[in-house]
């Protein structure tokens, strides 16, 4: 059975960039956040549960009404917990099916809130992609077109950088000062043994 490695980092740290490099090395990556968004649209049971809890406004003709749900849950810890309680079990089932199809020495499971939902124990090791908050804020506000206040609201739902970095087994620095690829190659060699 392949080793299961969790990979996480705070919003804007560059998890996707790092994961794409691992994929180029042939490492299968399960993108929990991407799959969660897809399941919220495609899984009829999850969709119904979201409508029941958050109202019909949760969906529009175009699918999931992300703006509405973001407004409802970011800044309200109880609402966010309620949404996570619906979404996380669906993602866990989906990930289990995905793992069954993998044939590699190790896999990566990307999730922004791996530690926050106490899921780290499900993995053989964890990787934290680290980047200072000012750089992360600049990346996310440019990428997502949100304000610094909206960034702060979302970032507040995650552990601090220091806490997350201390909890990880391995650390990849994505601050522009250290090259990513050498860090990834070193870690890939280690994880393949």
N, C-alpha and C. Protein backbone atom coordinates (compact mmCIF):
# COMPACT_ATOMS: atom_id res chain seq x y z
N UNK A 1 0.83 -1.19 0.00
CA UNK A 1 0.00 0.00 0.00
C UNK A 1 0.87 1.24 0.00
N UNK A 2 0.49 2.20 -0.81
CA UNK A 2 1.25 3.45 -0.92
C UNK A 2 1.19 4.24 0.38
N UNK A 3 2.29 4.93 0.66
CA UNK A 3 2.29 5.85 1.80
C UNK A 3 1.36 7.00 1.46
N UNK A 4 0.60 7.42 2.45
CA UNK A 4 -0.30 8.57 2.27
C UNK A 4 0.31 9.76 2.99
N UNK A 5 0.58 10.79 2.21
CA UNK A 5 1.21 11.99 2.75
C UNK A 5 0.23 13.15 2.62
N UNK A 6 -0.06 13.80 3.72
CA UNK A 6 -0.90 14.99 3.69
C UNK A 6 -0.05 16.20 3.36
N UNK A 7 -0.58 17.09 2.55
CA UNK A 7 0.15 18.32 2.23
C UNK A 7 -0.79 19.50 2.46
N UNK A 8 -0.31 20.47 3.21
CA UNK A 8 -1.15 21.59 3.61
C UNK A 8 -0.33 22.87 3.64
N UNK A 9 -0.99 23.94 3.93
CA UNK A 9 -0.36 25.26 4.03
C UNK A 9 -1.49 26.27 4.06
N UNK A 10 -1.22 27.41 4.59
CA UNK A 10 -2.27 28.42 4.71
C UNK A 10 -2.60 29.03 3.35
N UNK A 11 -3.73 29.70 3.30
CA UNK A 11 -4.23 30.29 2.06
C UNK A 11 -3.13 31.13 1.39
N UNK A 12 -2.89 30.83 0.11
CA UNK A 12 -1.90 31.56 -0.67
C UNK A 12 -0.47 31.09 -0.51
N UNK A 13 -0.26 30.00 0.23
CA UNK A 13 1.12 29.52 0.46
C UNK A 13 1.73 28.89 -0.79
N UNK A 14 0.88 28.41 -1.70
CA UNK A 14 1.40 27.80 -2.91
C UNK A 14 1.30 26.29 -2.93
N UNK A 15 0.32 25.74 -2.22
CA UNK A 15 0.13 24.28 -2.18
C UNK A 15 -0.06 23.71 -3.57
N UNK A 16 -0.87 24.35 -4.38
CA UNK A 16 -1.15 23.84 -5.72
C UNK A 16 0.11 23.84 -6.57
N UNK A 17 0.88 24.89 -6.50
CA UNK A 17 2.15 24.96 -7.25
C UNK A 17 3.06 23.81 -6.86
N UNK A 18 3.20 23.58 -5.58
CA UNK A 18 4.06 22.49 -5.09
C UNK A 18 3.50 21.14 -5.54
N UNK A 19 2.21 20.96 -5.40
CA UNK A 19 1.59 19.69 -5.80
C UNK A 19 1.77 19.42 -7.29
N UNK A 20 1.68 20.43 -8.11
CA UNK A 20 1.86 20.26 -9.56
C UNK A 20 3.28 19.76 -9.87
N UNK A 21 4.25 20.23 -9.12
CA UNK A 21 5.62 19.76 -9.31
C UNK A 21 5.75 18.29 -8.91
N UNK A 22 5.11 17.91 -7.82
CA UNK A 22 5.11 16.49 -7.43
C UNK A 22 4.44 15.64 -8.52
N UNK A 23 3.35 16.15 -9.08
CA UNK A 23 2.67 15.42 -10.15
C UNK A 23 3.60 15.22 -11.35
N UNK A 24 4.40 16.22 -11.66
CA UNK A 24 5.35 16.10 -12.77
C UNK A 24 6.36 14.98 -12.51
N UNK A 25 6.55 14.64 -11.23
CA UNK A 25 7.45 13.54 -10.86
C UNK A 25 6.70 12.20 -10.82
N UNK A 26 5.42 12.22 -11.18
CA UNK A 26 4.63 10.99 -11.21
C UNK A 26 3.90 10.67 -9.92
N UNK A 27 3.82 11.62 -9.01
CA UNK A 27 3.15 11.39 -7.73
C UNK A 27 1.66 11.73 -7.87
N UNK A 28 0.78 10.78 -7.57
CA UNK A 28 -0.65 11.08 -7.61
C UNK A 28 -1.03 12.06 -6.48
N UNK A 29 -1.86 13.05 -6.82
CA UNK A 29 -2.28 14.05 -5.84
C UNK A 29 -3.80 14.11 -5.80
N UNK A 30 -4.35 13.99 -4.61
CA UNK A 30 -5.79 14.19 -4.39
C UNK A 30 -5.95 15.62 -3.88
N UNK A 31 -6.69 16.44 -4.63
CA UNK A 31 -6.91 17.83 -4.26
C UNK A 31 -8.24 17.94 -3.52
N UNK A 32 -8.19 17.89 -2.20
CA UNK A 32 -9.41 17.87 -1.39
C UNK A 32 -10.27 19.10 -1.60
N UNK A 33 -9.65 20.27 -1.69
CA UNK A 33 -10.43 21.49 -1.84
C UNK A 33 -11.14 21.54 -3.19
N UNK A 34 -10.45 21.11 -4.23
CA UNK A 34 -11.05 21.06 -5.57
C UNK A 34 -12.18 20.04 -5.60
N UNK A 35 -11.93 18.87 -5.03
CA UNK A 35 -12.94 17.82 -5.01
C UNK A 35 -14.14 18.25 -4.16
N UNK A 36 -13.90 18.96 -3.08
CA UNK A 36 -15.01 19.42 -2.24
C UNK A 36 -15.94 20.32 -3.04
N UNK A 37 -15.37 21.24 -3.81
CA UNK A 37 -16.19 22.13 -4.63
C UNK A 37 -16.98 21.35 -5.67
N UNK A 38 -16.33 20.35 -6.28
CA UNK A 38 -17.03 19.53 -7.28
C UNK A 38 -18.14 18.71 -6.63
N UNK A 39 -17.86 18.13 -5.48
CA UNK A 39 -18.87 17.31 -4.79
C UNK A 39 -20.06 18.16 -4.34
N UNK A 40 -19.80 19.39 -3.96
CA UNK A 40 -20.89 20.27 -3.52
C UNK A 40 -21.88 20.51 -4.66
N UNK A 41 -21.42 20.35 -5.89
CA UNK A 41 -22.29 20.51 -7.06
C UNK A 41 -22.81 19.16 -7.54
N UNK A 42 -21.93 18.15 -7.59
CA UNK A 42 -22.24 16.89 -8.25
C UNK A 42 -22.86 15.80 -7.37
N UNK A 43 -22.60 15.84 -6.07
CA UNK A 43 -23.12 14.81 -5.17
C UNK A 43 -24.53 15.21 -4.74
N UNK A 44 -25.56 14.49 -5.21
CA UNK A 44 -26.94 14.91 -4.92
C UNK A 44 -27.27 14.92 -3.43
N UNK A 45 -26.72 13.98 -2.66
CA UNK A 45 -27.00 13.95 -1.22
C UNK A 45 -26.37 15.16 -0.52
N UNK A 46 -25.14 15.47 -0.89
CA UNK A 46 -24.47 16.63 -0.29
C UNK A 46 -25.18 17.91 -0.70
N UNK A 47 -25.54 18.00 -1.95
CA UNK A 47 -26.24 19.19 -2.44
C UNK A 47 -27.54 19.41 -1.66
N UNK A 48 -28.30 18.35 -1.46
CA UNK A 48 -29.56 18.46 -0.72
C UNK A 48 -29.32 18.87 0.73
N UNK A 49 -28.27 18.32 1.34
CA UNK A 49 -27.95 18.66 2.73
C UNK A 49 -27.57 20.14 2.85
N UNK A 50 -26.84 20.66 1.87
CA UNK A 50 -26.44 22.08 1.89
C UNK A 50 -27.68 22.96 1.73
N UNK A 51 -28.56 22.59 0.82
CA UNK A 51 -29.79 23.36 0.63
C UNK A 51 -30.63 23.35 1.90
N UNK A 52 -30.73 22.19 2.52
CA UNK A 52 -31.52 22.07 3.74
C UNK A 52 -30.95 22.94 4.86
N UNK A 53 -29.62 23.01 4.96
CA UNK A 53 -28.99 23.76 6.05
C UNK A 53 -28.85 25.25 5.74
N UNK A 54 -28.52 25.59 4.48
CA UNK A 54 -28.20 26.97 4.14
C UNK A 54 -29.19 27.65 3.21
N UNK A 55 -30.17 26.92 2.72
CA UNK A 55 -31.21 27.50 1.90
C UNK A 55 -30.98 27.31 0.41
N UNK A 56 -32.05 27.51 -0.35
CA UNK A 56 -31.99 27.33 -1.80
C UNK A 56 -31.04 28.33 -2.47
N UNK A 57 -30.74 29.44 -1.78
CA UNK A 57 -29.82 30.43 -2.33
C UNK A 57 -28.40 29.87 -2.47
N UNK A 58 -28.14 28.71 -1.87
CA UNK A 58 -26.82 28.09 -1.95
C UNK A 58 -26.47 27.68 -3.37
N UNK A 59 -27.50 27.58 -4.21
CA UNK A 59 -27.29 27.19 -5.61
C UNK A 59 -28.03 28.16 -6.51
N UNK A 60 -27.45 28.38 -7.67
CA UNK A 60 -28.09 29.21 -8.68
C UNK A 60 -28.09 28.41 -9.98
N UNK A 61 -28.58 29.00 -11.03
CA UNK A 61 -28.62 28.30 -12.32
C UNK A 61 -27.24 27.83 -12.75
N UNK A 62 -26.22 28.55 -12.35
CA UNK A 62 -24.84 28.20 -12.71
C UNK A 62 -24.21 27.17 -11.79
N UNK A 63 -24.94 26.71 -10.80
CA UNK A 63 -24.38 25.72 -9.86
C UNK A 63 -24.26 26.30 -8.47
N UNK A 64 -23.21 25.92 -7.78
CA UNK A 64 -22.97 26.35 -6.41
C UNK A 64 -22.80 27.87 -6.36
N UNK A 65 -23.52 28.51 -5.46
CA UNK A 65 -23.43 29.96 -5.28
C UNK A 65 -22.33 30.23 -4.25
N UNK A 66 -21.09 30.23 -4.72
CA UNK A 66 -19.93 30.37 -3.84
C UNK A 66 -19.95 31.70 -3.08
N UNK A 67 -20.36 32.76 -3.74
CA UNK A 67 -20.38 34.08 -3.09
C UNK A 67 -21.33 34.06 -1.90
N UNK A 68 -22.50 33.49 -2.09
CA UNK A 68 -23.48 33.42 -1.01
C UNK A 68 -22.95 32.58 0.16
N UNK A 69 -22.42 31.39 -0.14
CA UNK A 69 -21.92 30.53 0.93
C UNK A 69 -20.73 31.16 1.64
N UNK A 70 -19.84 31.80 0.88
CA UNK A 70 -18.68 32.46 1.50
C UNK A 70 -19.14 33.53 2.47
N UNK A 71 -20.13 34.31 2.05
CA UNK A 71 -20.68 35.34 2.93
C UNK A 71 -21.25 34.75 4.20
N UNK A 72 -21.92 33.61 4.05
CA UNK A 72 -22.55 32.96 5.20
C UNK A 72 -21.54 32.38 6.18
N UNK A 73 -20.46 31.76 5.67
CA UNK A 73 -19.60 30.98 6.56
C UNK A 73 -18.33 31.68 7.01
N UNK A 74 -17.72 32.52 6.16
CA UNK A 74 -16.49 33.17 6.59
C UNK A 74 -16.84 34.31 7.52
N UNK A 75 -16.28 34.26 8.70
CA UNK A 75 -16.61 35.24 9.72
C UNK A 75 -17.62 34.72 10.73
N UNK A 76 -18.14 33.52 10.51
CA UNK A 76 -19.09 32.91 11.44
C UNK A 76 -18.65 31.46 11.67
N UNK A 77 -17.95 31.25 12.76
CA UNK A 77 -17.35 29.94 13.04
C UNK A 77 -18.40 28.82 13.10
N UNK A 78 -19.58 29.10 13.64
CA UNK A 78 -20.62 28.06 13.72
C UNK A 78 -21.11 27.66 12.33
N UNK A 79 -21.30 28.63 11.46
CA UNK A 79 -21.75 28.34 10.10
C UNK A 79 -20.67 27.57 9.33
N UNK A 80 -19.42 27.95 9.52
CA UNK A 80 -18.33 27.25 8.85
C UNK A 80 -18.25 25.81 9.34
N UNK A 81 -18.39 25.60 10.65
CA UNK A 81 -18.38 24.23 11.19
C UNK A 81 -19.53 23.42 10.61
N UNK A 82 -20.69 24.04 10.47
CA UNK A 82 -21.85 23.33 9.91
C UNK A 82 -21.59 22.91 8.46
N UNK A 83 -21.01 23.81 7.67
CA UNK A 83 -20.71 23.46 6.28
C UNK A 83 -19.65 22.36 6.22
N UNK A 84 -18.61 22.50 7.02
CA UNK A 84 -17.56 21.48 7.04
C UNK A 84 -18.10 20.12 7.47
N UNK A 85 -19.03 20.12 8.39
CA UNK A 85 -19.61 18.85 8.87
C UNK A 85 -20.38 18.14 7.76
N UNK A 86 -20.86 18.89 6.79
CA UNK A 86 -21.55 18.29 5.64
C UNK A 86 -20.56 17.85 4.56
N UNK A 87 -19.58 18.71 4.30
CA UNK A 87 -18.68 18.48 3.17
C UNK A 87 -17.59 17.45 3.47
N UNK A 88 -16.99 17.50 4.65
CA UNK A 88 -15.85 16.63 4.93
C UNK A 88 -16.14 15.13 4.84
N UNK A 89 -17.28 14.65 5.31
CA UNK A 89 -17.55 13.22 5.12
C UNK A 89 -17.67 12.82 3.64
N UNK A 90 -18.24 13.69 2.83
CA UNK A 90 -18.35 13.40 1.39
C UNK A 90 -16.97 13.35 0.75
N UNK A 91 -16.09 14.26 1.16
CA UNK A 91 -14.73 14.27 0.63
C UNK A 91 -13.98 13.02 1.10
N UNK A 92 -14.17 12.61 2.34
CA UNK A 92 -13.50 11.40 2.84
C UNK A 92 -13.91 10.17 2.04
N UNK A 93 -15.19 10.06 1.72
CA UNK A 93 -15.66 8.92 0.90
C UNK A 93 -15.05 8.97 -0.49
N UNK A 94 -15.03 10.16 -1.08
CA UNK A 94 -14.46 10.33 -2.41
C UNK A 94 -12.97 10.00 -2.41
N UNK A 95 -12.25 10.45 -1.40
CA UNK A 95 -10.81 10.18 -1.30
C UNK A 95 -10.55 8.69 -1.15
N UNK A 96 -11.37 8.01 -0.38
CA UNK A 96 -11.19 6.55 -0.22
C UNK A 96 -11.30 5.83 -1.55
N UNK A 97 -12.26 6.23 -2.37
CA UNK A 97 -12.39 5.63 -3.70
C UNK A 97 -11.16 5.96 -4.55
N UNK A 98 -10.67 7.19 -4.45
CA UNK A 98 -9.49 7.60 -5.21
C UNK A 98 -8.27 6.79 -4.81
N UNK A 99 -8.04 6.64 -3.50
CA UNK A 99 -6.88 5.88 -3.01
C UNK A 99 -6.90 4.45 -3.53
N UNK A 100 -8.05 3.85 -3.62
CA UNK A 100 -8.16 2.46 -4.08
C UNK A 100 -7.66 2.29 -5.51
N UNK A 101 -7.66 3.36 -6.29
CA UNK A 101 -7.23 3.31 -7.69
C UNK A 101 -5.76 3.67 -7.89
N UNK A 102 -5.04 3.97 -6.83
CA UNK A 102 -3.66 4.44 -6.97
C UNK A 102 -2.65 3.31 -6.83
N UNK A 103 -1.61 3.39 -7.63
CA UNK A 103 -0.51 2.42 -7.60
C UNK A 103 0.80 3.20 -7.66
N UNK A 104 1.24 3.69 -6.52
CA UNK A 104 2.46 4.49 -6.45
C UNK A 104 3.11 4.23 -5.10
N UNK A 105 4.37 4.61 -4.98
CA UNK A 105 5.04 4.40 -3.68
C UNK A 105 4.48 5.33 -2.61
N UNK A 106 4.00 6.50 -3.05
CA UNK A 106 3.30 7.38 -2.11
C UNK A 106 2.36 8.29 -2.88
N UNK A 107 1.37 8.81 -2.17
CA UNK A 107 0.40 9.75 -2.73
C UNK A 107 0.37 11.00 -1.86
N UNK A 108 -0.09 12.07 -2.43
CA UNK A 108 -0.29 13.31 -1.67
C UNK A 108 -1.77 13.60 -1.57
N UNK A 109 -2.18 14.07 -0.42
CA UNK A 109 -3.57 14.51 -0.19
C UNK A 109 -3.48 15.97 0.21
N UNK A 110 -3.85 16.85 -0.72
CA UNK A 110 -3.77 18.29 -0.48
C UNK A 110 -5.04 18.77 0.20
N UNK A 111 -4.88 19.47 1.31
CA UNK A 111 -6.01 20.05 2.03
C UNK A 111 -5.53 21.25 2.84
N UNK A 112 -6.22 22.36 2.70
CA UNK A 112 -5.81 23.59 3.38
C UNK A 112 -5.94 23.49 4.90
N UNK A 113 -6.94 22.76 5.37
CA UNK A 113 -7.19 22.72 6.82
C UNK A 113 -6.99 21.32 7.40
N UNK A 114 -5.96 20.67 6.96
CA UNK A 114 -5.63 19.31 7.39
C UNK A 114 -5.50 19.22 8.91
N UNK A 115 -4.74 20.13 9.50
CA UNK A 115 -4.54 20.12 10.95
C UNK A 115 -5.77 20.63 11.69
N UNK A 116 -6.41 21.64 11.13
CA UNK A 116 -7.56 22.25 11.80
C UNK A 116 -8.71 21.28 12.00
N UNK A 117 -8.85 20.30 11.11
CA UNK A 117 -9.93 19.32 11.25
C UNK A 117 -9.43 18.01 11.87
N UNK A 118 -8.23 18.05 12.43
CA UNK A 118 -7.63 16.90 13.12
C UNK A 118 -7.50 15.68 12.22
N UNK A 119 -7.14 15.91 10.95
CA UNK A 119 -7.01 14.81 9.99
C UNK A 119 -5.57 14.34 9.81
N UNK A 120 -4.61 15.00 10.42
CA UNK A 120 -3.21 14.66 10.21
C UNK A 120 -2.89 13.22 10.59
N UNK A 121 -3.62 12.68 11.54
CA UNK A 121 -3.36 11.31 11.98
C UNK A 121 -3.71 10.27 10.91
N UNK A 122 -4.41 10.68 9.87
CA UNK A 122 -4.78 9.77 8.80
C UNK A 122 -3.63 9.52 7.83
N UNK A 123 -2.52 10.24 7.99
CA UNK A 123 -1.43 10.18 7.03
C UNK A 123 -0.16 9.67 7.68
N UNK A 124 0.72 9.13 6.83
CA UNK A 124 2.01 8.64 7.32
C UNK A 124 2.94 9.78 7.66
N UNK A 125 2.74 10.91 7.03
CA UNK A 125 3.53 12.12 7.29
C UNK A 125 2.77 13.31 6.70
N UNK A 126 3.21 14.50 7.06
CA UNK A 126 2.59 15.71 6.51
C UNK A 126 3.67 16.67 6.02
N UNK A 127 3.31 17.38 4.95
CA UNK A 127 4.17 18.42 4.40
C UNK A 127 3.43 19.74 4.58
N UNK A 128 4.13 20.73 5.07
CA UNK A 128 3.57 22.08 5.18
C UNK A 128 4.30 22.97 4.17
N UNK A 129 3.52 23.61 3.30
CA UNK A 129 4.07 24.61 2.38
C UNK A 129 3.99 25.94 3.13
N UNK A 130 5.15 26.53 3.36
CA UNK A 130 5.24 27.73 4.20
C UNK A 130 5.55 28.96 3.37
N UNK A 131 4.89 30.05 3.73
CA UNK A 131 5.10 31.33 3.07
C UNK A 131 4.63 32.43 4.03
N UNK A 132 5.40 33.50 4.18
CA UNK A 132 5.00 34.57 5.09
C UNK A 132 3.65 35.21 4.69
N UNK A 133 2.91 35.63 5.69
CA UNK A 133 1.57 36.17 5.45
C UNK A 133 1.52 37.36 4.48
N UNK A 134 2.43 38.31 4.54
CA UNK A 134 2.33 39.43 3.58
C UNK A 134 2.39 38.96 2.12
N UNK A 135 3.21 37.98 1.85
CA UNK A 135 3.31 37.45 0.48
C UNK A 135 2.02 36.70 0.14
N UNK A 136 1.53 35.91 1.07
CA UNK A 136 0.29 35.18 0.85
C UNK A 136 -0.87 36.13 0.57
N UNK A 137 -0.96 37.21 1.35
CA UNK A 137 -2.04 38.18 1.15
C UNK A 137 -1.95 38.81 -0.24
N UNK A 138 -0.76 39.17 -0.64
CA UNK A 138 -0.57 39.78 -1.96
C UNK A 138 -1.00 38.80 -3.06
N UNK A 139 -0.61 37.54 -2.93
CA UNK A 139 -0.98 36.53 -3.93
C UNK A 139 -2.50 36.35 -4.01
N UNK A 140 -3.13 36.20 -2.86
CA UNK A 140 -4.56 35.87 -2.83
C UNK A 140 -5.42 37.05 -3.25
N UNK A 141 -5.09 38.25 -2.82
CA UNK A 141 -5.90 39.40 -3.23
C UNK A 141 -5.81 39.61 -4.74
N UNK A 142 -4.63 39.37 -5.32
CA UNK A 142 -4.47 39.50 -6.78
C UNK A 142 -5.18 38.35 -7.49
N UNK A 143 -5.02 37.13 -6.99
CA UNK A 143 -5.59 35.95 -7.64
C UNK A 143 -7.11 35.91 -7.57
N UNK A 144 -7.65 36.18 -6.38
CA UNK A 144 -9.09 36.01 -6.16
C UNK A 144 -9.89 37.30 -6.25
N UNK A 145 -9.20 38.43 -6.37
CA UNK A 145 -9.91 39.71 -6.45
C UNK A 145 -10.64 40.06 -5.16
N UNK A 146 -10.06 39.68 -4.03
CA UNK A 146 -10.68 40.00 -2.74
C UNK A 146 -9.88 41.09 -2.05
N UNK A 147 -10.48 41.67 -1.04
CA UNK A 147 -9.82 42.72 -0.28
C UNK A 147 -8.91 42.12 0.79
N UNK A 148 -7.97 42.91 1.31
CA UNK A 148 -7.17 42.41 2.42
C UNK A 148 -8.04 41.99 3.62
N UNK A 149 -9.13 42.70 3.86
CA UNK A 149 -10.02 42.33 4.97
C UNK A 149 -10.64 40.95 4.72
N UNK A 150 -11.04 40.69 3.48
CA UNK A 150 -11.59 39.37 3.15
C UNK A 150 -10.53 38.29 3.29
N UNK A 151 -9.31 38.61 2.88
CA UNK A 151 -8.20 37.66 3.08
C UNK A 151 -8.06 37.35 4.56
N UNK A 152 -8.02 38.39 5.39
CA UNK A 152 -7.84 38.19 6.83
C UNK A 152 -8.96 37.35 7.43
N UNK A 153 -10.17 37.55 6.94
CA UNK A 153 -11.32 36.78 7.42
C UNK A 153 -11.13 35.29 7.12
N UNK A 154 -10.67 34.99 5.93
CA UNK A 154 -10.44 33.59 5.54
C UNK A 154 -9.23 33.01 6.26
N UNK A 155 -8.17 33.80 6.34
CA UNK A 155 -6.94 33.33 7.00
C UNK A 155 -7.19 33.05 8.48
N UNK A 156 -8.11 33.79 9.08
CA UNK A 156 -8.40 33.60 10.51
C UNK A 156 -9.01 32.24 10.81
N UNK A 157 -9.51 31.56 9.78
CA UNK A 157 -10.10 30.23 9.97
C UNK A 157 -9.04 29.14 10.01
N UNK A 158 -7.79 29.51 9.74
CA UNK A 158 -6.70 28.55 9.70
C UNK A 158 -5.75 28.78 10.87
N UNK A 159 -4.97 27.75 11.18
CA UNK A 159 -3.95 27.89 12.21
C UNK A 159 -2.95 28.96 11.78
N UNK A 160 -2.25 29.52 12.76
CA UNK A 160 -1.19 30.47 12.44
C UNK A 160 -0.09 29.75 11.66
N UNK A 161 0.70 30.51 10.92
CA UNK A 161 1.81 29.91 10.18
C UNK A 161 2.73 29.14 11.12
N UNK A 162 3.10 29.74 12.23
CA UNK A 162 4.03 29.10 13.16
C UNK A 162 3.47 27.79 13.70
N UNK A 163 2.21 27.78 14.05
CA UNK A 163 1.60 26.56 14.59
C UNK A 163 1.55 25.46 13.53
N UNK A 164 1.16 25.83 12.33
CA UNK A 164 1.06 24.84 11.25
C UNK A 164 2.44 24.29 10.91
N UNK A 165 3.43 25.16 10.79
CA UNK A 165 4.78 24.73 10.46
C UNK A 165 5.34 23.81 11.53
N UNK A 166 5.06 24.09 12.79
CA UNK A 166 5.55 23.25 13.88
C UNK A 166 4.89 21.87 13.87
N UNK A 167 3.67 21.79 13.37
CA UNK A 167 2.93 20.52 13.38
C UNK A 167 3.32 19.59 12.23
N UNK A 168 3.91 20.13 11.17
CA UNK A 168 4.23 19.32 10.00
C UNK A 168 5.43 18.43 10.19
N UNK A 169 5.47 17.34 9.44
CA UNK A 169 6.64 16.46 9.43
C UNK A 169 7.75 17.07 8.60
N UNK A 170 7.37 17.61 7.44
CA UNK A 170 8.32 18.23 6.51
C UNK A 170 7.84 19.64 6.16
N UNK A 171 8.78 20.48 5.77
CA UNK A 171 8.48 21.87 5.45
C UNK A 171 9.06 22.20 4.08
N UNK A 172 8.26 22.84 3.24
CA UNK A 172 8.73 23.36 1.96
C UNK A 172 8.52 24.87 2.00
N UNK A 173 9.59 25.61 1.80
CA UNK A 173 9.52 27.08 1.83
C UNK A 173 9.20 27.59 0.43
N UNK A 174 8.12 28.36 0.34
CA UNK A 174 7.70 28.94 -0.94
C UNK A 174 7.60 30.45 -0.80
N UNK A 175 8.70 31.04 -0.37
CA UNK A 175 8.73 32.48 -0.12
C UNK A 175 9.50 33.25 -1.18
N UNK A 176 9.96 32.56 -2.24
CA UNK A 176 10.72 33.21 -3.29
C UNK A 176 12.20 33.32 -2.97
N UNK A 177 12.60 32.98 -1.77
CA UNK A 177 14.01 33.05 -1.39
C UNK A 177 14.73 31.73 -1.64
N UNK A 178 14.00 30.63 -1.52
CA UNK A 178 14.56 29.30 -1.77
C UNK A 178 13.88 28.71 -3.00
N UNK A 179 14.65 28.05 -3.83
CA UNK A 179 14.08 27.40 -5.00
C UNK A 179 13.19 26.23 -4.58
N UNK A 180 12.06 26.12 -5.21
CA UNK A 180 11.12 25.05 -4.87
C UNK A 180 11.59 23.67 -5.33
N UNK A 181 12.03 23.58 -6.57
CA UNK A 181 12.32 22.27 -7.15
C UNK A 181 13.35 21.47 -6.35
N UNK A 182 14.47 22.05 -5.93
CA UNK A 182 15.40 21.25 -5.13
C UNK A 182 14.78 20.71 -3.83
N UNK A 183 13.93 21.50 -3.20
CA UNK A 183 13.26 21.04 -1.98
C UNK A 183 12.33 19.86 -2.29
N UNK A 184 11.61 19.98 -3.39
CA UNK A 184 10.66 18.94 -3.79
C UNK A 184 11.39 17.67 -4.18
N UNK A 185 12.47 17.79 -4.93
CA UNK A 185 13.24 16.61 -5.35
C UNK A 185 13.83 15.88 -4.15
N UNK A 186 14.34 16.63 -3.19
CA UNK A 186 14.90 16.02 -1.98
C UNK A 186 13.82 15.26 -1.22
N UNK A 187 12.68 15.87 -1.08
CA UNK A 187 11.58 15.23 -0.35
C UNK A 187 11.05 14.03 -1.12
N UNK A 188 10.96 14.13 -2.43
CA UNK A 188 10.49 13.01 -3.25
C UNK A 188 11.40 11.80 -3.07
N UNK A 189 12.71 12.01 -3.10
CA UNK A 189 13.65 10.88 -2.90
C UNK A 189 13.44 10.24 -1.53
N UNK A 190 13.25 11.07 -0.53
CA UNK A 190 13.05 10.56 0.84
C UNK A 190 11.76 9.76 0.95
N UNK A 191 10.69 10.25 0.35
CA UNK A 191 9.38 9.60 0.47
C UNK A 191 9.27 8.31 -0.35
N UNK A 192 10.09 8.18 -1.37
CA UNK A 192 10.08 6.97 -2.18
C UNK A 192 10.78 5.79 -1.51
N UNK A 193 11.53 6.05 -0.44
CA UNK A 193 12.26 4.96 0.23
C UNK A 193 11.40 4.25 1.25
